[in-house]
C-alpha atoms as a PDB file:
ATOM      1  CA  MET A   1      63.417 148.406 166.068  1.00  0.00           C
ATOM      2  CA  ASN A   2      64.287 146.204 163.622  1.00  0.00           C
ATOM      3  CA  GLY A   3      65.954 142.917 165.489  1.00  0.00           C
ATOM      4  CA  ILE A   4      68.987 143.507 164.354  1.00  0.00           C
ATOM      5  CA  ASN A   5      72.074 143.267 166.614  1.00  0.00           C
ATOM      6  CA  TYR A   6      75.262 142.358 165.133  1.00  0.00           C
ATOM      7  CA  LEU A   7      76.915 143.574 161.554  1.00  0.00           C
ATOM      8  CA  LEU A   8      79.159 141.045 160.445  1.00  0.00           C
ATOM      9  CA  ASP A   9      81.746 142.790 158.367  1.00  0.00           C
ATOM     10  CA  THR A  10      83.720 140.536 155.157  1.00  0.00           C
ATOM     11  CA  ASN A  11      86.247 138.372 156.833  1.00  0.00           C
ATOM     12  CA  ILE A  12      83.627 137.228 160.053  1.00  0.00           C
ATOM     13  CA  ILE A  13      81.775 136.053 156.852  1.00  0.00           C
ATOM     14  CA  ILE A  14      84.630 134.430 154.993  1.00  0.00           C
ATOM     15  CA  GLY A  15      85.857 133.217 157.990  1.00  0.00           C
ATOM     16  CA  LEU A  16      82.706 130.930 158.665  1.00  0.00           C
ATOM     17  CA  LEU A  17      82.409 129.843 155.119  1.00  0.00           C
ATOM     18  CA  LYS A  18      85.872 128.459 155.555  1.00  0.00           C
ATOM     19  CA  GLY A  19      85.172 126.850 159.260  1.00  0.00           C
ATOM     20  CA  ASN A  20      87.550 129.216 161.025  1.00  0.00           C
ATOM     21  CA  GLY A  21      87.488 128.488 164.502  1.00  0.00           C
ATOM     22  CA  GLN A  22      88.318 132.109 165.584  1.00  0.00           C
ATOM     23  CA  ALA A  23      85.105 133.510 163.432  1.00  0.00           C
ATOM     24  CA  VAL A  24      82.972 130.172 164.799  1.00  0.00           C
ATOM     25  CA  ASN A  25      83.978 130.825 168.074  1.00  0.00           C
ATOM     26  CA  LEU A  26      82.465 134.686 167.688  1.00  0.00           C
ATOM     27  CA  THR A  27      79.662 134.227 166.307  1.00  0.00           C
ATOM     28  CA  GLN A  28      78.844 130.966 168.135  1.00  0.00           C
ATOM     29  CA  GLY A  29      75.841 131.532 169.732  1.00  0.00           C
ATOM     30  CA  ILE A  30      74.143 134.424 167.962  1.00  0.00           C
ATOM     31  CA  ASN A  31      71.215 133.884 165.655  1.00  0.00           C
ATOM     32  CA  LEU A  32      71.778 134.401 162.013  1.00  0.00           C
ATOM     33  CA  LEU A  33      68.498 135.882 162.079  1.00  0.00           C
ATOM     34  CA  ALA A  34      69.760 139.296 164.482  1.00  0.00           C
ATOM     35  CA  CYS A  35      73.003 139.661 161.749  1.00  0.00           C
ATOM     36  CA  ALA A  36      73.270 142.277 158.998  1.00  0.00           C
ATOM     37  CA  TYR A  37      76.270 142.744 156.366  1.00  0.00           C
ATOM     38  CA  SER A  38      76.875 145.794 154.451  1.00  0.00           C
ATOM     39  CA  VAL A  39      76.240 145.577 150.214  1.00  0.00           C
ATOM     40  CA  ILE A  40      80.486 146.299 150.208  1.00  0.00           C
ATOM     41  CA  THR A  41      80.409 142.823 151.652  1.00  0.00           C
ATOM     42  CA  ARG A  42      78.151 141.657 149.226  1.00  0.00           C
ATOM     43  CA  MET A  43      80.233 143.331 146.929  1.00  0.00           C
ATOM     44  CA  GLU A  44      83.715 141.899 147.952  1.00  0.00           C
ATOM     45  CA  LEU A  45      82.255 138.235 148.646  1.00  0.00           C
ATOM     46  CA  LEU A  46      80.328 137.533 145.388  1.00  0.00           C
ATOM     47  CA  GLY A  47      82.993 139.917 143.238  1.00  0.00           C
ATOM     48  CA  PHE A  48      85.848 137.860 144.638  1.00  0.00           C
ATOM     49  CA  VAL A  49      87.293 136.948 140.559  1.00  0.00           C
ATOM     50  CA  GLY A  50      87.400 133.187 140.216  1.00  0.00           C
ATOM     51  CA  ILE A  51      84.636 132.418 142.133  1.00  0.00           C
ATOM     52  CA  THR A  52      82.856 129.300 141.355  1.00  0.00           C
ATOM     53  CA  GLU A  53      79.224 128.762 140.846  1.00  0.00           C
ATOM     54  CA  TYR A  54      79.177 126.241 143.684  1.00  0.00           C
ATOM     55  CA  GLU A  55      80.787 129.330 146.178  1.00  0.00           C
ATOM     56  CA  GLU A  56      78.117 131.533 145.001  1.00  0.00           C
ATOM     57  CA  ARG A  57      75.448 129.219 145.844  1.00  0.00           C
ATOM     58  CA  THR A  58      76.943 128.831 149.610  1.00  0.00           C
ATOM     59  CA  ILE A  59      78.126 132.640 150.155  1.00  0.00           C
ATOM     60  CA  LYS A  60      74.434 133.276 149.072  1.00  0.00           C
ATOM     61  CA  ALA A  61      72.342 130.550 150.891  1.00  0.00           C
ATOM     62  CA  LEU A  62      74.195 132.236 153.823  1.00  0.00           C
ATOM     63  CA  LEU A  63      73.878 135.808 152.879  1.00  0.00           C
ATOM     64  CA  ASP A  64      70.035 134.796 152.451  1.00  0.00           C
ATOM     65  CA  ARG A  65      70.189 134.173 156.139  1.00  0.00           C
ATOM     66  CA  MET A  66      70.752 137.513 157.133  1.00  0.00           C
ATOM     67  CA  ALA A  67      69.459 140.976 156.656  1.00  0.00           C
ATOM     68  CA  ILE A  68      71.618 143.889 154.285  1.00  0.00           C
END
């Protein structure tokens, strides 16, 4: 058992980063250490055209708390 209980998709992670109420409510009480994301999600988040350095750092900081 690896301790991963949730696989978050791109839309949920974007919602968390933007502070979207629905995404925040869905993940409330969930420890990010028990979450994972896919390689595709990482590509979608970091491959967005026009992403700023700040946005890239913010995304990476969140993803670093989860398993891939």
